[in-house]
Amino acid sequence: MAKPDDSSLTPAQLRAVEERVVSLLNRSEAWGRVPTPLEDILAAAKLRVESKSLKEADGFLAFLKSKSIAAASMAMDTLKAATSAFGKILGICDSADHAIYIDDTVNGSKQTFLTLHETGHHEMPHQRRLFRFFEDNDKSLEPDVAELFEREANNFARHALFQGDGYAKMAADHDLEKGMAAIKKLGPKFGASIYASAREFARTNYRACLVVVLNPSEYAFGVGLRAEVRRIEASALFKAQFPLPQATHITPDHPLGSLLPSPKQRVVKPRSVVLEDFNGARQECVAEAFNTTHNTIILLYPTKALTKTTVILPPGFKQAVNF
């Protein structure tokens, strides 16, 4: 099934996060420098990064307790809430000690995102104030508040990594027909993974497009290729025109089934997919897929509306085009 929501905020919450990102990018003079200069960001935030194995939560908390009881208390709240909502913990920020701890098994673009995520916890004033209050009063952070803090930190990392609308402006220069190539090109340019690049490409695009991220394809008995839906990102225009996919798995009989790559297949070339919009009109779309080995990225965008006089649909096709 798709992972829990990791980024939704109200417009006011998102503006508050963006303001803090702008402040930090200004202080670090990072605007226009891609990939975002992480060392300058950390220096401006007055933070340092330390690698530490976070595989064993109890062992890590024991390590924190040896340095700061308050830090351990804060970390425990974060561990409980974030583990419940988002799975394995790979990083923790100890604002009191101006330190970020990142799992030493993580490297590359994921480490960059995690570092910016933890910096976000430190840079958001209301988060620091609340953590300080709970530390001083030996109280616990409510799970829904902790989950909100995680979504705020994710958006902080995203805006810092992609320099506000810097990525979106570059993506706008690429035709959707070359969208997958743009995703693969712009990700490394900004120091991001292809997965993060694909999500940003869809969510910030001014045109109608959809990105569906799948877990690796597997063969299922009696079904054939099958892949679990991990994330769905759509542009504002796509969400205004089409219902979003609801399936938890993609199988060969799904409208996107022909885009499932075999485990060793890297690319599924563009092909036509017909979807129904909110008005019940059939619209022709183009979709392609790329297998990163960690997940499959599907990019889909509409091309033109189809009329009953221009297309003859086989019996039962209407059901097949619904997500």
C-alpha atoms as a PDB file:
ATOM      1  CA  MET A   1       0.000   0.000   0.000  1.00  0.00           C
ATOM      2  CA  ALA A   2       1.030   3.635  -0.469  1.00  0.00           C
ATOM      3  CA  LYS A   3       3.154   5.092   2.303  1.00  0.00           C
ATOM      4  CA  PRO A   4       1.519   7.503   4.799  1.00  0.00           C
ATOM      5  CA  ASP A   5       1.251  11.143   3.787  1.00  0.00           C
ATOM      6  CA  ASP A   6       4.664  12.699   4.340  1.00  0.00           C
ATOM      7  CA  SER A   7       4.289  16.256   3.080  1.00  0.00           C
ATOM      8  CA  SER A   8       0.756  17.719   3.207  1.00  0.00           C
ATOM      9  CA  LEU A   9       0.491  21.083   4.960  1.00  0.00           C
ATOM     10  CA  THR A  10      -2.067  23.878   5.026  1.00  0.00           C
ATOM     11  CA  PRO A  11      -1.173  26.936   2.908  1.00  0.00           C
ATOM     12  CA  ALA A  12      -0.323  28.875   6.085  1.00  0.00           C
ATOM     13  CA  GLN A  13       1.909  26.075   7.400  1.00  0.00           C
ATOM     14  CA  LEU A  14       3.675  25.799   4.054  1.00  0.00           C
ATOM     15  CA  ARG A  15       4.273  29.555   3.889  1.00  0.00           C
ATOM     16  CA  ALA A  16       5.831  29.455   7.355  1.00  0.00           C
ATOM     17  CA  VAL A  17       8.189  26.671   6.270  1.00  0.00           C
ATOM     18  CA  GLU A  18       9.116  28.480   3.049  1.00  0.00           C
ATOM     19  CA  GLU A  19       9.900  31.667   4.998  1.00  0.00           C
ATOM     20  CA  ARG A  20      12.383  29.762   7.166  1.00  0.00           C
ATOM     21  CA  VAL A  21      13.993  28.201   4.091  1.00  0.00           C
ATOM     22  CA  VAL A  22      14.355  31.610   2.447  1.00  0.00           C
ATOM     23  CA  SER A  23      15.939  32.955   5.612  1.00  0.00           C
ATOM     24  CA  LEU A  24      18.476  30.136   5.749  1.00  0.00           C
ATOM     25  CA  LEU A  25      19.304  30.305   2.033  1.00  0.00           C
ATOM     26  CA  ASN A  26      19.844  34.050   2.434  1.00  0.00           C
ATOM     27  CA  ARG A  27      22.108  33.639   5.470  1.00  0.00           C
ATOM     28  CA  SER A  28      24.158  30.960   3.738  1.00  0.00           C
ATOM     29  CA  GLU A  29      24.220  32.826   0.402  1.00  0.00           C
ATOM     30  CA  ALA A  30      23.146  29.574  -1.243  1.00  0.00           C
ATOM     31  CA  TRP A  31      20.729  30.924  -3.871  1.00  0.00           C
ATOM     32  CA  GLY A  32      21.625  29.791  -7.380  1.00  0.00           C
ATOM     33  CA  ARG A  33      24.330  27.429  -6.165  1.00  0.00           C
ATOM     34  CA  VAL A  34      23.311  23.908  -7.126  1.00  0.00           C
ATOM     35  CA  PRO A  35      23.535  21.467  -5.638  1.00  0.00           C
ATOM     36  CA  THR A  36      22.656  23.433  -2.523  1.00  0.00           C
ATOM     37  CA  PRO A  37      25.939  23.911  -0.571  1.00  0.00           C
ATOM     38  CA  LEU A  38      25.293  21.767   2.478  1.00  0.00           C
ATOM     39  CA  GLU A  39      28.361  22.889   4.445  1.00  0.00           C
ATOM     40  CA  ASP A  40      27.357  26.552   4.118  1.00  0.00           C
ATOM     41  CA  ILE A  41      23.773  25.708   5.093  1.00  0.00           C
ATOM     42  CA  LEU A  42      24.967  23.940   8.243  1.00  0.00           C
ATOM     43  CA  ALA A  43      27.360  26.751   9.101  1.00  0.00           C
ATOM     44  CA  ALA A  44      24.590  29.340   8.790  1.00  0.00           C
ATOM     45  CA  ALA A  45      22.328  27.194  10.980  1.00  0.00           C
ATOM     46  CA  LYS A  46      25.196  26.673  13.444  1.00  0.00           C
ATOM     47  CA  LEU A  47      24.845  22.904  13.247  1.00  0.00           C
ATOM     48  CA  ARG A  48      27.273  20.042  12.869  1.00  0.00           C
ATOM     49  CA  VAL A  49      26.655  16.549  11.516  1.00  0.00           C
ATOM     50  CA  GLU A  50      27.790  13.371  13.207  1.00  0.00           C
ATOM     51  CA  SER A  51      27.388   9.864  11.828  1.00  0.00           C
ATOM     52  CA  LYS A  52      26.007   7.260  14.192  1.00  0.00           C
ATOM     53  CA  SER A  53      24.356   3.893  13.727  1.00  0.00           C
ATOM     54  CA  LEU A  54      20.631   4.293  14.336  1.00  0.00           C
ATOM     55  CA  LYS A  55      19.770   0.667  13.644  1.00  0.00           C
ATOM     56  CA  GLU A  56      19.281  -0.013  17.335  1.00  0.00           C
ATOM     57  CA  ALA A  57      17.090   2.730  18.807  1.00  0.00           C
ATOM     58  CA  ASP A  58      17.796   1.691  22.400  1.00  0.00           C
ATOM     59  CA  GLY A  59      21.538   1.862  21.839  1.00  0.00           C
ATOM     60  CA  PHE A  60      21.270   5.248  20.224  1.00  0.00           C
ATOM     61  CA  LEU A  61      19.177   6.647  23.061  1.00  0.00           C
ATOM     62  CA  ALA A  62      21.715   5.314  25.540  1.00  0.00           C
ATOM     63  CA  PHE A  63      24.341   7.253  23.623  1.00  0.00           C
ATOM     64  CA  LEU A  64      22.245  10.434  23.843  1.00  0.00           C
ATOM     65  CA  LYS A  65      21.632   9.939  27.554  1.00  0.00           C
ATOM     66  CA  SER A  66      25.356   9.872  28.096  1.00  0.00           C
ATOM     67  CA  LYS A  67      25.446  13.400  26.696  1.00  0.00           C
ATOM     68  CA  SER A  68      22.099  14.939  27.568  1.00  0.00           C
ATOM     69  CA  ILE A  69      19.000  13.627  29.321  1.00  0.00           C
ATOM     70  CA  ALA A  70      16.933  16.329  27.624  1.00  0.00           C
ATOM     71  CA  ALA A  71      18.223  15.302  24.214  1.00  0.00           C
ATOM     72  CA  ALA A  72      17.311  11.687  24.899  1.00  0.00           C
ATOM     73  CA  SER A  73      13.793  12.696  25.977  1.00  0.00           C
ATOM     74  CA  MET A  74      13.313  14.738  22.822  1.00  0.00           C
ATOM     75  CA  ALA A  75      14.701  11.957  20.655  1.00  0.00           C
ATOM     76  CA  MET A  76      12.381   9.391  22.238  1.00  0.00           C
ATOM     77  CA  ASP A  77       9.320  11.502  21.400  1.00  0.00           C
ATOM     78  CA  THR A  78      10.553  11.907  17.847  1.00  0.00           C
ATOM     79  CA  LEU A  79      11.376   8.218  17.513  1.00  0.00           C
ATOM     80  CA  LYS A  80       7.950   7.108  18.733  1.00  0.00           C
ATOM     81  CA  ALA A  81       5.957   9.478  16.531  1.00  0.00           C
ATOM     82  CA  ALA A  82       8.090   9.332  13.414  1.00  0.00           C
ATOM     83  CA  THR A  83       8.501   5.564  13.539  1.00  0.00           C
ATOM     84  CA  SER A  84       4.731   5.192  13.762  1.00  0.00           C
ATOM     85  CA  ALA A  85       4.150   7.464  10.792  1.00  0.00           C
ATOM     86  CA  PHE A  86       7.159   7.023   8.561  1.00  0.00           C
ATOM     87  CA  GLY A  87       9.036   3.841   9.443  1.00  0.00           C
ATOM     88  CA  LYS A  88      12.768   3.530  10.079  1.00  0.00           C
ATOM     89  CA  ILE A  89      14.483   6.485  11.749  1.00  0.00           C
ATOM     90  CA  LEU A  90      17.607   7.579   9.859  1.00  0.00           C
ATOM     91  CA  GLY A  91      18.336  10.950  11.462  1.00  0.00           C
ATOM     92  CA  ILE A  92      17.778  12.968  14.637  1.00  0.00           C
ATOM     93  CA  CYS A  93      18.411  16.609  15.515  1.00  0.00           C
ATOM     94  CA  ASP A  94      19.631  17.605  18.975  1.00  0.00           C
ATOM     95  CA  SER A  95      19.090  21.377  18.898  1.00  0.00           C
ATOM     96  CA  ALA A  96      20.355  21.780  22.446  1.00  0.00           C
ATOM     97  CA  ASP A  97      23.746  20.461  21.371  1.00  0.00           C
ATOM     98  CA  HIS A  98      23.537  21.957  17.844  1.00  0.00           C
ATOM     99  CA  ALA A  99      24.099  18.486  16.420  1.00  0.00           C
ATOM    100  CA  ILE A 100      22.512  16.338  13.747  1.00  0.00           C
ATOM    101  CA  TYR A 101      22.968  12.575  13.862  1.00  0.00           C
ATOM    102  CA  ILE A 102      22.599  10.684  10.587  1.00  0.00           C
ATOM    103  CA  ASP A 103      22.579   6.901  10.242  1.00  0.00           C
ATOM    104  CA  ASP A 104      26.045   5.928   9.052  1.00  0.00           C
ATOM    105  CA  THR A 105      24.584   3.409   6.608  1.00  0.00           C
ATOM    106  CA  VAL A 106      23.001   6.227   4.585  1.00  0.00           C
ATOM    107  CA  ASN A 107      24.944   7.971   1.853  1.00  0.00           C
ATOM    108  CA  GLY A 108      24.560  10.091  -1.262  1.00  0.00           C
ATOM    109  CA  SER A 109      21.437  12.060  -2.054  1.00  0.00           C
ATOM    110  CA  LYS A 110      19.455  10.473   0.784  1.00  0.00           C
ATOM    111  CA  GLN A 111      21.955  11.730   3.335  1.00  0.00           C
ATOM    112  CA  THR A 112      21.667  15.234   1.892  1.00  0.00           C
ATOM    113  CA  PHE A 113      17.881  15.180   2.210  1.00  0.00           C
ATOM    114  CA  LEU A 114      18.048  13.789   5.757  1.00  0.00           C
ATOM    115  CA  THR A 115      20.522  16.473   6.790  1.00  0.00           C
ATOM    116  CA  LEU A 116      18.249  19.206   5.430  1.00  0.00           C
ATOM    117  CA  HIS A 117      15.247  17.538   7.074  1.00  0.00           C
ATOM    118  CA  GLU A 118      16.923  17.584  10.483  1.00  0.00           C
ATOM    119  CA  THR A 119      18.075  21.164   9.867  1.00  0.00           C
ATOM    120  CA  GLY A 120      14.415  21.996   9.329  1.00  0.00           C
ATOM    121  CA  HIS A 121      13.555  20.743  12.837  1.00  0.00           C
ATOM    122  CA  HIS A 122      16.226  23.088  14.191  1.00  0.00           C
ATOM    123  CA  GLU A 123      15.252  26.086  12.046  1.00  0.00           C
ATOM    124  CA  MET A 124      11.513  26.057  12.758  1.00  0.00           C
ATOM    125  CA  PRO A 125      11.147  28.266  15.887  1.00  0.00           C
ATOM    126  CA  HIS A 126       7.901  26.725  17.097  1.00  0.00           C
ATOM    127  CA  GLN A 127       9.453  23.260  16.976  1.00  0.00           C
ATOM    128  CA  ARG A 128      12.452  24.357  19.047  1.00  0.00           C
ATOM    129  CA  ARG A 129      10.172  26.089  21.567  1.00  0.00           C
ATOM    130  CA  LEU A 130       7.899  23.074  21.974  1.00  0.00           C
ATOM    131  CA  PHE A 131      10.754  20.620  22.293  1.00  0.00           C
ATOM    132  CA  ARG A 132      12.360  22.863  24.903  1.00  0.00           C
ATOM    133  CA  PHE A 133       9.079  23.064  26.844  1.00  0.00           C
ATOM    134  CA  PHE A 134       8.632  19.294  26.850  1.00  0.00           C
ATOM    135  CA  GLU A 135      12.252  18.766  27.867  1.00  0.00           C
ATOM    136  CA  ASP A 136      11.939  21.208  30.770  1.00  0.00           C
ATOM    137  CA  ASN A 137       8.618  19.782  31.970  1.00  0.00           C
ATOM    138  CA  ASP A 138       9.235  16.070  31.351  1.00  0.00           C
ATOM    139  CA  LYS A 139       6.199  15.856  29.070  1.00  0.00           C
ATOM    140  CA  SER A 140       5.646  14.027  25.773  1.00  0.00           C
ATOM    141  CA  LEU A 141       4.890  15.373  22.345  1.00  0.00           C
ATOM    142  CA  GLU A 142       1.471  14.310  21.032  1.00  0.00           C
ATOM    143  CA  PRO A 143       1.786  11.914  18.038  1.00  0.00           C
ATOM    144  CA  ASP A 144      -0.230  14.126  15.694  1.00  0.00           C
ATOM    145  CA  VAL A 145       1.992  17.112  16.533  1.00  0.00           C
ATOM    146  CA  ALA A 146       5.143  15.051  16.009  1.00  0.00           C
ATOM    147  CA  GLU A 147       3.821  13.858  12.632  1.00  0.00           C
ATOM    148  CA  LEU A 148       3.099  17.470  11.643  1.00  0.00           C
ATOM    149  CA  PHE A 149       6.666  18.379  12.603  1.00  0.00           C
ATOM    150  CA  GLU A 150       7.925  15.584  10.326  1.00  0.00           C
ATOM    151  CA  ARG A 151       5.882  16.891   7.383  1.00  0.00           C
ATOM    152  CA  GLU A 152       7.154  20.411   8.034  1.00  0.00           C
ATOM    153  CA  ALA A 153      10.741  19.148   8.086  1.00  0.00           C
ATOM    154  CA  ASN A 154      10.174  17.215   4.845  1.00  0.00           C
ATOM    155  CA  ASN A 155       8.926  20.368   3.141  1.00  0.00           C
ATOM    156  CA  PHE A 156      11.817  22.367   4.581  1.00  0.00           C
ATOM    157  CA  ALA A 157      14.261  19.853   3.098  1.00  0.00           C
ATOM    158  CA  ARG A 158      12.448  19.844  -0.235  1.00  0.00           C
ATOM    159  CA  HIS A 159      12.430  23.639  -0.595  1.00  0.00           C
ATOM    160  CA  ALA A 160      16.047  23.945   0.499  1.00  0.00           C
ATOM    161  CA  LEU A 161      17.177  21.133  -1.783  1.00  0.00           C
ATOM    162  CA  PHE A 162      15.309  22.457  -4.824  1.00  0.00           C
ATOM    163  CA  GLN A 163      15.961  26.115  -3.930  1.00  0.00           C
ATOM    164  CA  GLY A 164      12.374  27.287  -3.747  1.00  0.00           C
ATOM    165  CA  ASP A 165      10.997  27.281  -7.281  1.00  0.00           C
ATOM    166  CA  GLY A 166      14.437  26.864  -8.841  1.00  0.00           C
ATOM    167  CA  TYR A 167      13.762  23.277  -9.872  1.00  0.00           C
ATOM    168  CA  ALA A 168      10.261  24.117 -11.148  1.00  0.00           C
ATOM    169  CA  LYS A 169      11.621  26.870 -13.393  1.00  0.00           C
ATOM    170  CA  MET A 170      14.167  24.521 -14.929  1.00  0.00           C
ATOM    171  CA  ALA A 171      11.568  21.772 -15.349  1.00  0.00           C
ATOM    172  CA  ALA A 172       9.257  24.218 -17.129  1.00  0.00           C
ATOM    173  CA  ASP A 173      11.873  24.555 -19.872  1.00  0.00           C
ATOM    174  CA  HIS A 174      11.495  20.859 -20.747  1.00  0.00           C
ATOM    175  CA  ASP A 175       8.642  19.545 -22.891  1.00  0.00           C
ATOM    176  CA  LEU A 176       6.595  16.813 -21.219  1.00  0.00           C
ATOM    177  CA  GLU A 177       7.629  14.516 -24.057  1.00  0.00           C
ATOM    178  CA  LYS A 178      11.118  14.765 -22.535  1.00  0.00           C
ATOM    179  CA  GLY A 179       9.852  14.778 -18.973  1.00  0.00           C
ATOM    180  CA  MET A 180      11.500  11.529 -17.873  1.00  0.00           C
ATOM    181  CA  ALA A 181      14.831  12.705 -19.260  1.00  0.00           C
ATOM    182  CA  ALA A 182      14.381  15.972 -17.358  1.00  0.00           C
ATOM    183  CA  ILE A 183      13.637  14.094 -14.124  1.00  0.00           C
ATOM    184  CA  LYS A 184      16.818  12.045 -14.491  1.00  0.00           C
ATOM    185  CA  LYS A 185      18.890  15.106 -15.424  1.00  0.00           C
ATOM    186  CA  LEU A 186      17.611  17.597 -12.841  1.00  0.00           C
ATOM    187  CA  GLY A 187      17.764  15.210  -9.876  1.00  0.00           C
ATOM    188  CA  PRO A 188      21.582  14.879  -9.818  1.00  0.00           C
ATOM    189  CA  LYS A 189      21.944  18.549 -10.737  1.00  0.00           C
ATOM    190  CA  PHE A 190      20.226  19.490  -7.469  1.00  0.00           C
ATOM    191  CA  GLY A 191      21.840  16.677  -5.495  1.00  0.00           C
ATOM    192  CA  ALA A 192      18.536  14.804  -5.289  1.00  0.00           C
ATOM    193  CA  SER A 193      17.543  11.234  -6.027  1.00  0.00           C
ATOM    194  CA  ILE A 194      15.510  10.405  -9.129  1.00  0.00           C
ATOM    195  CA  TYR A 195      12.671   9.539  -6.759  1.00  0.00           C
ATOM    196  CA  ALA A 196      12.704  13.017  -5.178  1.00  0.00           C
ATOM    197  CA  SER A 197      13.176  14.645  -8.577  1.00  0.00           C
ATOM    198  CA  ALA A 198      10.151  12.847 -10.018  1.00  0.00           C
ATOM    199  CA  ARG A 199       7.924  13.914  -7.135  1.00  0.00           C
ATOM    200  CA  GLU A 200       9.070  17.529  -7.464  1.00  0.00           C
ATOM    201  CA  PHE A 201       8.598  17.446 -11.247  1.00  0.00           C
ATOM    202  CA  ALA A 202       4.930  16.500 -10.898  1.00  0.00           C
ATOM    203  CA  ARG A 203       3.917  18.518  -7.838  1.00  0.00           C
ATOM    204  CA  THR A 204       5.362  21.829  -9.135  1.00  0.00           C
ATOM    205  CA  ASN A 205       4.609  21.483 -12.859  1.00  0.00           C
ATOM    206  CA  TYR A 206       2.298  24.086 -14.381  1.00  0.00           C
ATOM    207  CA  ARG A 207       1.064  21.499 -16.910  1.00  0.00           C
ATOM    208  CA  ALA A 208      -1.152  18.476 -16.286  1.00  0.00           C
ATOM    209  CA  CYS A 209       1.022  15.507 -15.349  1.00  0.00           C
ATOM    210  CA  LEU A 210       1.097  12.617 -12.918  1.00  0.00           C
ATOM    211  CA  VAL A 211       3.906  10.623 -11.328  1.00  0.00           C
ATOM    212  CA  VAL A 212       3.208   7.208  -9.829  1.00  0.00           C
ATOM    213  CA  VAL A 213       6.037   5.633  -7.840  1.00  0.00           C
ATOM    214  CA  LEU A 214       5.935   1.851  -7.509  1.00  0.00           C
ATOM    215  CA  ASN A 215       7.933  -0.548  -5.418  1.00  0.00           C
ATOM    216  CA  PRO A 216       9.966  -3.030  -7.508  1.00  0.00           C
ATOM    217  CA  SER A 217       7.891  -5.338  -9.702  1.00  0.00           C
ATOM    218  CA  GLU A 218       7.493  -8.948  -8.639  1.00  0.00           C
ATOM    219  CA  TYR A 219       5.958 -11.999 -10.268  1.00  0.00           C
ATOM    220  CA  ALA A 220       2.774 -13.163  -8.534  1.00  0.00           C
ATOM    221  CA  PHE A 221       1.302 -16.603  -9.157  1.00  0.00           C
ATOM    222  CA  GLY A 222      -1.740 -16.420 -11.401  1.00  0.00           C
ATOM    223  CA  VAL A 223      -1.308 -12.679 -11.891  1.00  0.00           C
ATOM    224  CA  GLY A 224       2.028 -12.034 -13.575  1.00  0.00           C
ATOM    225  CA  LEU A 225       3.940  -8.859 -12.846  1.00  0.00           C
ATOM    226  CA  ARG A 226       2.668  -6.956  -9.821  1.00  0.00           C
ATOM    227  CA  ALA A 227       3.935  -3.832  -8.073  1.00  0.00           C
ATOM    228  CA  GLU A 228       2.841  -2.016  -4.924  1.00  0.00           C
ATOM    229  CA  VAL A 229       2.012   1.694  -5.224  1.00  0.00           C
ATOM    230  CA  ARG A 230       4.414   3.702  -3.071  1.00  0.00           C
ATOM    231  CA  ARG A 231       3.653   7.359  -3.832  1.00  0.00           C
ATOM    232  CA  ILE A 232       1.392   9.392  -6.094  1.00  0.00           C
ATOM    233  CA  GLU A 233       2.194  12.991  -7.050  1.00  0.00           C
ATOM    234  CA  ALA A 234       0.128  15.100  -9.435  1.00  0.00           C
ATOM    235  CA  SER A 235       0.316  18.641 -10.683  1.00  0.00           C
ATOM    236  CA  ALA A 236      -2.456  21.042  -9.687  1.00  0.00           C
ATOM    237  CA  LEU A 237      -3.828  21.048 -13.230  1.00  0.00           C
ATOM    238  CA  PHE A 238      -3.940  17.243 -13.390  1.00  0.00           C
ATOM    239  CA  LYS A 239      -5.800  17.085 -10.064  1.00  0.00           C
ATOM    240  CA  ALA A 240      -8.296  19.614 -11.399  1.00  0.00           C
ATOM    241  CA  GLN A 241      -8.980  17.467 -14.488  1.00  0.00           C
ATOM    242  CA  PHE A 242      -8.619  13.840 -13.409  1.00  0.00           C
ATOM    243  CA  PRO A 243      -9.347  11.663 -10.372  1.00  0.00           C
ATOM    244  CA  LEU A 244      -6.179  10.327  -8.774  1.00  0.00           C
ATOM    245  CA  PRO A 245      -5.390   6.603  -8.881  1.00  0.00           C
ATOM    246  CA  GLN A 246      -6.847   4.657  -5.979  1.00  0.00           C
ATOM    247  CA  ALA A 247      -5.286   1.245  -6.588  1.00  0.00           C
ATOM    248  CA  THR A 248      -2.823  -0.049  -4.007  1.00  0.00           C
ATOM    249  CA  HIS A 249      -1.189  -2.382  -6.546  1.00  0.00           C
ATOM    250  CA  ILE A 250      -0.632  -2.268 -10.298  1.00  0.00           C
ATOM    251  CA  THR A 251      -1.222  -5.517 -12.180  1.00  0.00           C
ATOM    252  CA  PRO A 252      -1.346  -6.309 -15.924  1.00  0.00           C
ATOM    253  CA  ASP A 253      -5.111  -5.649 -16.100  1.00  0.00           C
ATOM    254  CA  HIS A 254      -4.750  -2.120 -14.654  1.00  0.00           C
ATOM    255  CA  PRO A 255      -4.678   0.853 -17.097  1.00  0.00           C
ATOM    256  CA  LEU A 256      -1.015   1.328 -16.147  1.00  0.00           C
ATOM    257  CA  GLY A 257      -0.275  -2.390 -16.247  1.00  0.00           C
ATOM    258  CA  SER A 258       1.560  -2.236 -19.563  1.00  0.00           C
ATOM    259  CA  LEU A 259       4.119   0.054 -17.900  1.00  0.00           C
ATOM    260  CA  LEU A 260       5.279  -2.524 -15.367  1.00  0.00           C
ATOM    261  CA  PRO A 261       8.925  -3.334 -16.065  1.00  0.00           C
ATOM    262  CA  SER A 262      10.308  -6.795 -15.517  1.00  0.00           C
ATOM    263  CA  PRO A 263      12.843  -6.870 -12.643  1.00  0.00           C
ATOM    264  CA  LYS A 264      15.792  -6.476 -15.031  1.00  0.00           C
ATOM    265  CA  GLN A 265      14.094  -4.037 -17.432  1.00  0.00           C
ATOM    266  CA  ARG A 266      15.179  -0.422 -16.945  1.00  0.00           C
ATOM    267  CA  VAL A 267      12.974   1.473 -19.415  1.00  0.00           C
ATOM    268  CA  VAL A 268       9.385   1.139 -20.629  1.00  0.00           C
ATOM    269  CA  LYS A 269       9.040   3.319 -23.701  1.00  0.00           C
ATOM    270  CA  PRO A 270       6.208   5.874 -24.054  1.00  0.00           C
ATOM    271  CA  ARG A 271       2.835   4.408 -24.899  1.00  0.00           C
ATOM    272  CA  SER A 272      -0.776   5.514 -25.115  1.00  0.00           C
ATOM    273  CA  VAL A 273      -3.128   5.253 -22.134  1.00  0.00           C
ATOM    274  CA  VAL A 274      -6.760   6.424 -22.196  1.00  0.00           C
ATOM    275  CA  LEU A 275      -8.244   7.909 -19.023  1.00  0.00           C
ATOM    276  CA  GLU A 276     -11.590   9.437 -18.096  1.00  0.00           C
ATOM    277  CA  ASP A 277     -11.585  12.974 -16.711  1.00  0.00           C
ATOM    278  CA  PHE A 278     -14.025  14.378 -14.167  1.00  0.00           C
ATOM    279  CA  ASN A 279     -16.481  15.213 -16.969  1.00  0.00           C
ATOM    280  CA  GLY A 280     -16.543  11.630 -18.201  1.00  0.00           C
ATOM    281  CA  ALA A 281     -14.635  12.545 -21.349  1.00  0.00           C
ATOM    282  CA  ARG A 282     -12.000  10.125 -22.558  1.00  0.00           C
ATOM    283  CA  GLN A 283      -8.593  11.679 -22.883  1.00  0.00           C
ATOM    284  CA  GLU A 284      -5.567  10.210 -24.545  1.00  0.00           C
ATOM    285  CA  CYS A 285      -2.460  10.252 -22.414  1.00  0.00           C
ATOM    286  CA  VAL A 286       1.147   9.253 -22.884  1.00  0.00           C
ATOM    287  CA  ALA A 287       2.940   7.304 -20.158  1.00  0.00           C
ATOM    288  CA  GLU A 288       6.452   5.955 -19.747  1.00  0.00           C
ATOM    289  CA  ALA A 289       8.356   4.256 -16.951  1.00  0.00           C
ATOM    290  CA  PHE A 290      11.873   4.080 -15.577  1.00  0.00           C
ATOM    291  CA  ASN A 291      13.136   1.399 -13.202  1.00  0.00           C
ATOM    292  CA  THR A 292      15.685   2.840 -10.753  1.00  0.00           C
ATOM    293  CA  THR A 293      16.093  -0.667  -9.210  1.00  0.00           C
ATOM    294  CA  HIS A 294      14.806   0.804  -5.917  1.00  0.00           C
ATOM    295  CA  ASN A 295      11.452   1.761  -7.421  1.00  0.00           C
ATOM    296  CA  THR A 296       9.656   2.339 -10.712  1.00  0.00           C
ATOM    297  CA  ILE A 297       8.799   5.886 -11.778  1.00  0.00           C
ATOM    298  CA  ILE A 298       5.797   6.274 -14.088  1.00  0.00           C
ATOM    299  CA  LEU A 299       5.263   9.663 -15.748  1.00  0.00           C
ATOM    300  CA  LEU A 300       1.873  10.268 -17.398  1.00  0.00           C
ATOM    301  CA  TYR A 301       0.419  13.335 -19.104  1.00  0.00           C
ATOM    302  CA  PRO A 302      -2.656  13.957 -21.303  1.00  0.00           C
ATOM    303  CA  THR A 303      -2.260  14.836 -24.964  1.00  0.00           C
ATOM    304  CA  LYS A 304      -5.740  15.430 -26.376  1.00  0.00           C
ATOM    305  CA  ALA A 305      -9.380  14.592 -25.739  1.00  0.00           C
ATOM    306  CA  LEU A 306     -10.839  11.695 -27.697  1.00  0.00           C
ATOM    307  CA  THR A 307     -14.357  11.806 -29.086  1.00  0.00           C
ATOM    308  CA  LYS A 308     -16.774   8.970 -29.712  1.00  0.00           C
ATOM    309  CA  THR A 309     -16.434   9.570 -33.441  1.00  0.00           C
ATOM    310  CA  THR A 310     -12.667   9.267 -33.515  1.00  0.00           C
ATOM    311  CA  VAL A 311     -12.118   6.190 -31.336  1.00  0.00           C
ATOM    312  CA  ILE A 312     -13.795   2.790 -31.280  1.00  0.00           C
ATOM    313  CA  LEU A 313     -13.429   1.220 -27.853  1.00  0.00           C
ATOM    314  CA  PRO A 314     -13.651  -2.557 -27.386  1.00  0.00           C
ATOM    315  CA  PRO A 315     -16.365  -3.960 -25.083  1.00  0.00           C
ATOM    316  CA  GLY A 316     -15.596  -3.488 -21.403  1.00  0.00           C
ATOM    317  CA  PHE A 317     -12.918  -0.879 -22.086  1.00  0.00           C
ATOM    318  CA  LYS A 318     -14.653   1.814 -20.034  1.00  0.00           C
ATOM    319  CA  GLN A 319     -14.022  -0.138 -16.840  1.00  0.00           C
ATOM    320  CA  ALA A 320     -10.383  -0.604 -17.760  1.00  0.00           C
ATOM    321  CA  VAL A 321      -9.712   3.114 -18.118  1.00  0.00           C
ATOM    322  CA  ASN A 322     -10.831   3.926 -14.591  1.00  0.00           C
ATOM    323  CA  PHE A 323      -8.043   4.146 -12.017  1.00  0.00           C
END
